[in-house]
Amino acid sequence: MKPLQLSTETAIKLSKKLNVPLEQLMHMPQHILIQKLMELEKEKEN
């Protein structure tokens, strides 16, 4: 599996938002990353 195609800035912002180390974020399957981002959006709405 290839690493996610993210810019460095985006990767750093996401790792901070999701409280995930940068290396772990880069090796996270894309569908899991999308799921986590959707959870964050739901939390924002509440």
PDB file of N, CA and C in Angstrom:
ATOM      1  N   MET A   1       0.844  -1.190   0.000  1.00  0.00           N
ATOM      2  CA  MET A   1       0.000   0.000   0.000  1.00  0.00           C
ATOM      3  C   MET A   1       0.883   1.245   0.000  1.00  0.00           C
ATOM      4  N   LYS A   2       0.597   2.171  -0.892  1.00  0.00           N
ATOM      5  CA  LYS A   2       1.428   3.372  -0.960  1.00  0.00           C
ATOM      6  C   LYS A   2       0.959   4.398   0.070  1.00  0.00           C
ATOM      7  N   PRO A   3       1.866   5.261   0.530  1.00  0.00           N
ATOM      8  CA  PRO A   3       1.471   6.313   1.491  1.00  0.00           C
ATOM      9  C   PRO A   3       0.453   7.264   0.871  1.00  0.00           C
ATOM     10  N   LEU A   4      -0.298   7.929   1.716  1.00  0.00           N
ATOM     11  CA  LEU A   4      -1.302   8.878   1.242  1.00  0.00           C
ATOM     12  C   LEU A   4      -0.630  10.023   0.492  1.00  0.00           C
ATOM     13  N   GLN A   5      -1.312  10.525  -0.516  1.00  0.00           N
ATOM     14  CA  GLN A   5      -0.786  11.636  -1.299  1.00  0.00           C
ATOM     15  C   GLN A   5      -1.266  12.947  -0.675  1.00  0.00           C
ATOM     16  N   LEU A   6      -0.563  13.369   0.362  1.00  0.00           N
ATOM     17  CA  LEU A   6      -0.925  14.604   1.054  1.00  0.00           C
ATOM     18  C   LEU A   6       0.263  15.558   1.017  1.00  0.00           C
ATOM     19  N   SER A   7      -0.032  16.849   1.004  1.00  0.00           N
ATOM     20  CA  SER A   7       1.063  17.796   1.146  1.00  0.00           C
ATOM     21  C   SER A   7       1.542  17.735   2.597  1.00  0.00           C
ATOM     22  N   THR A   8       2.752  18.175   2.833  1.00  0.00           N
ATOM     23  CA  THR A   8       3.315  18.142   4.188  1.00  0.00           C
ATOM     24  C   THR A   8       2.449  18.941   5.149  1.00  0.00           C
ATOM     25  N   GLU A   9       2.024  20.133   4.721  1.00  0.00           N
ATOM     26  CA  GLU A   9       1.204  20.987   5.584  1.00  0.00           C
ATOM     27  C   GLU A   9      -0.101  20.297   5.954  1.00  0.00           C
ATOM     28  N   THR A  10      -0.751  19.696   4.975  1.00  0.00           N
ATOM     29  CA  THR A  10      -2.018  19.007   5.212  1.00  0.00           C
ATOM     30  C   THR A  10      -1.815  17.850   6.181  1.00  0.00           C
ATOM     31  N   ALA A  11      -0.768  17.082   5.970  1.00  0.00           N
ATOM     32  CA  ALA A  11      -0.487  15.931   6.831  1.00  0.00           C
ATOM     33  C   ALA A  11      -0.264  16.374   8.276  1.00  0.00           C
ATOM     34  N   ILE A  12       0.486  17.448   8.465  1.00  0.00           N
ATOM     35  CA  ILE A  12       0.758  17.943   9.821  1.00  0.00           C
ATOM     36  C   ILE A  12      -0.530  18.424  10.481  1.00  0.00           C
ATOM     37  N   LYS A  13      -1.360  19.174   9.745  1.00  0.00           N
ATOM     38  CA  LYS A  13      -2.633  19.655  10.296  1.00  0.00           C
ATOM     39  C   LYS A  13      -3.526  18.484  10.685  1.00  0.00           C
ATOM     40  N   LEU A  14      -3.615  17.479   9.809  1.00  0.00           N
ATOM     41  CA  LEU A  14      -4.465  16.320  10.094  1.00  0.00           C
ATOM     42  C   LEU A  14      -3.959  15.544  11.299  1.00  0.00           C
ATOM     43  N   SER A  15      -2.648  15.358  11.400  1.00  0.00           N
ATOM     44  CA  SER A  15      -2.119  14.587  12.518  1.00  0.00           C
ATOM     45  C   SER A  15      -2.409  15.300  13.833  1.00  0.00           C
ATOM     46  N   LYS A  16      -2.367  16.632  13.838  1.00  0.00           N
ATOM     47  CA  LYS A  16      -2.689  17.388  15.056  1.00  0.00           C
ATOM     48  C   LYS A  16      -4.174  17.280  15.379  1.00  0.00           C
ATOM     49  N   LYS A  17      -5.018  17.436  14.362  1.00  0.00           N
ATOM     50  CA  LYS A  17      -6.467  17.379  14.566  1.00  0.00           C
ATOM     51  C   LYS A  17      -6.920  16.016  15.065  1.00  0.00           C
ATOM     52  N   LEU A  18      -6.338  14.960  14.490  1.00  0.00           N
ATOM     53  CA  LEU A  18      -6.758  13.602  14.831  1.00  0.00           C
ATOM     54  C   LEU A  18      -5.965  13.033  16.000  1.00  0.00           C
ATOM     55  N   ASN A  19      -4.992  13.810  16.524  1.00  0.00           N
ATOM     56  CA  ASN A  19      -4.114  13.318  17.592  1.00  0.00           C
ATOM     57  C   ASN A  19      -3.443  12.005  17.219  1.00  0.00           C
ATOM     58  N   VAL A  20      -2.914  11.961  16.004  1.00  0.00           N
ATOM     59  CA  VAL A  20      -2.263  10.755  15.484  1.00  0.00           C
ATOM     60  C   VAL A  20      -0.841  11.151  15.080  1.00  0.00           C
ATOM     61  N   PRO A  21       0.156  10.327  15.452  1.00  0.00           N
ATOM     62  CA  PRO A  21       1.524  10.650  14.998  1.00  0.00           C
ATOM     63  C   PRO A  21       1.593  10.703  13.474  1.00  0.00           C
ATOM     64  N   LEU A  22       2.454  11.549  12.967  1.00  0.00           N
ATOM     65  CA  LEU A  22       2.554  11.776  11.524  1.00  0.00           C
ATOM     66  C   LEU A  22       2.836  10.491  10.753  1.00  0.00           C
ATOM     67  N   GLU A  23       3.762   9.650  11.277  1.00  0.00           N
ATOM     68  CA  GLU A  23       4.075   8.400  10.569  1.00  0.00           C
ATOM     69  C   GLU A  23       2.849   7.509  10.478  1.00  0.00           C
ATOM     70  N   GLN A  24       2.099   7.458  11.573  1.00  0.00           N
ATOM     71  CA  GLN A  24       0.903   6.608  11.587  1.00  0.00           C
ATOM     72  C   GLN A  24      -0.132   7.140  10.593  1.00  0.00           C
ATOM     73  N   LEU A  25      -0.259   8.448  10.526  1.00  0.00           N
ATOM     74  CA  LEU A  25      -1.210   9.062   9.601  1.00  0.00           C
ATOM     75  C   LEU A  25      -0.864   8.713   8.154  1.00  0.00           C
ATOM     76  N   MET A  26       0.424   8.777   7.816  1.00  0.00           N
ATOM     77  CA  MET A  26       0.841   8.530   6.433  1.00  0.00           C
ATOM     78  C   MET A  26       0.619   7.085   6.001  1.00  0.00           C
ATOM     79  N   HIS A  27       0.560   6.168   6.966  1.00  0.00           N
ATOM     80  CA  HIS A  27       0.373   4.755   6.626  1.00  0.00           C
ATOM     81  C   HIS A  27      -1.051   4.285   6.888  1.00  0.00           C
ATOM     82  N   MET A  28      -1.913   5.229   7.256  1.00  0.00           N
ATOM     83  CA  MET A  28      -3.310   4.893   7.543  1.00  0.00           C
ATOM     84  C   MET A  28      -4.044   4.650   6.225  1.00  0.00           C
ATOM     85  N   PRO A  29      -4.830   3.581   6.152  1.00  0.00           N
ATOM     86  CA  PRO A  29      -5.628   3.381   4.929  1.00  0.00           C
ATOM     87  C   PRO A  29      -6.555   4.569   4.702  1.00  0.00           C
ATOM     88  N   GLN A  30      -6.737   4.915   3.445  1.00  0.00           N
ATOM     89  CA  GLN A  30      -7.496   6.118   3.114  1.00  0.00           C
ATOM     90  C   GLN A  30      -8.925   6.069   3.656  1.00  0.00           C
ATOM     91  N   HIS A  31      -9.575   4.904   3.592  1.00  0.00           N
ATOM     92  CA  HIS A  31     -10.967   4.838   4.053  1.00  0.00           C
ATOM     93  C   HIS A  31     -11.065   5.091   5.560  1.00  0.00           C
ATOM     94  N   ILE A  32     -10.043   4.698   6.317  1.00  0.00           N
ATOM     95  CA  ILE A  32     -10.055   4.945   7.760  1.00  0.00           C
ATOM     96  C   ILE A  32      -9.851   6.432   8.031  1.00  0.00           C
ATOM     97  N   LEU A  33      -8.960   7.048   7.278  1.00  0.00           N
ATOM     98  CA  LEU A  33      -8.729   8.486   7.427  1.00  0.00           C
ATOM     99  C   LEU A  33     -10.012   9.262   7.133  1.00  0.00           C
ATOM    100  N   ILE A  34     -10.699   8.901   6.062  1.00  0.00           N
ATOM    101  CA  ILE A  34     -11.951   9.582   5.699  1.00  0.00           C
ATOM    102  C   ILE A  34     -12.989   9.393   6.806  1.00  0.00           C
ATOM    103  N   GLN A  35     -13.058   8.183   7.351  1.00  0.00           N
ATOM    104  CA  GLN A  35     -13.998   7.899   8.446  1.00  0.00           C
ATOM    105  C   GLN A  35     -13.697   8.790   9.653  1.00  0.00           C
ATOM    106  N   LYS A  36     -12.421   8.937  10.011  1.00  0.00           N
ATOM    107  CA  LYS A  36     -12.037   9.775  11.150  1.00  0.00           C
ATOM    108  C   LYS A  36     -12.388  11.236  10.885  1.00  0.00           C
ATOM    109  N   LEU A  37     -12.177  11.693   9.651  1.00  0.00           N
ATOM    110  CA  LEU A  37     -12.508  13.081   9.317  1.00  0.00           C
ATOM    111  C   LEU A  37     -14.015  13.315   9.413  1.00  0.00           C
ATOM    112  N   MET A  38     -14.800  12.323   8.999  1.00  0.00           N
ATOM    113  CA  MET A  38     -16.255  12.454   9.101  1.00  0.00           C
ATOM    114  C   MET A  38     -16.691  12.515  10.559  1.00  0.00           C
ATOM    115  N   GLU A  39     -16.036  11.739  11.414  1.00  0.00           N
ATOM    116  CA  GLU A  39     -16.342  11.789  12.849  1.00  0.00           C
ATOM    117  C   GLU A  39     -16.041  13.174  13.416  1.00  0.00           C
ATOM    118  N   LEU A  40     -14.921  13.761  12.991  1.00  0.00           N
ATOM    119  CA  LEU A  40     -14.564  15.108  13.442  1.00  0.00           C
ATOM    120  C   LEU A  40     -15.636  16.116  13.025  1.00  0.00           C
ATOM    121  N   GLU A  41     -16.121  16.002  11.801  1.00  0.00           N
ATOM    122  CA  GLU A  41     -17.155  16.915  11.309  1.00  0.00           C
ATOM    123  C   GLU A  41     -18.433  16.790  12.131  1.00  0.00           C
ATOM    124  N   LYS A  42     -18.804  15.554  12.466  1.00  0.00           N
ATOM    125  CA  LYS A  42     -20.001  15.349  13.282  1.00  0.00           C
ATOM    126  C   LYS A  42     -19.858  15.996  14.642  1.00  0.00           C
ATOM    127  N   GLU A  43     -18.651  15.885  15.230  1.00  0.00           N
ATOM    128  CA  GLU A  43     -18.394  16.489  16.545  1.00  0.00           C
ATOM    129  C   GLU A  43     -18.513  18.002  16.467  1.00  0.00           C
ATOM    130  N   LYS A  44     -18.057  18.577  15.363  1.00  0.00           N
ATOM    131  CA  LYS A  44     -18.134  20.039  15.180  1.00  0.00           C
ATOM    132  C   LYS A  44     -19.594  20.496  15.161  1.00  0.00           C
ATOM    133  N   GLU A  45     -20.452  19.711  14.505  1.00  0.00           N
ATOM    134  CA  GLU A  45     -21.849  20.098  14.354  1.00  0.00           C
ATOM    135  C   GLU A  45     -22.591  20.113  15.687  1.00  0.00           C
ATOM    136  N   ASN A  46     -22.172  19.263  16.613  1.00  0.00           N
ATOM    137  CA  ASN A  46     -22.873  19.179  17.923  1.00  0.00           C
ATOM    138  C   ASN A  46     -22.497  20.306  18.847  1.00  0.00           C
TER     139      ASN A  46
END
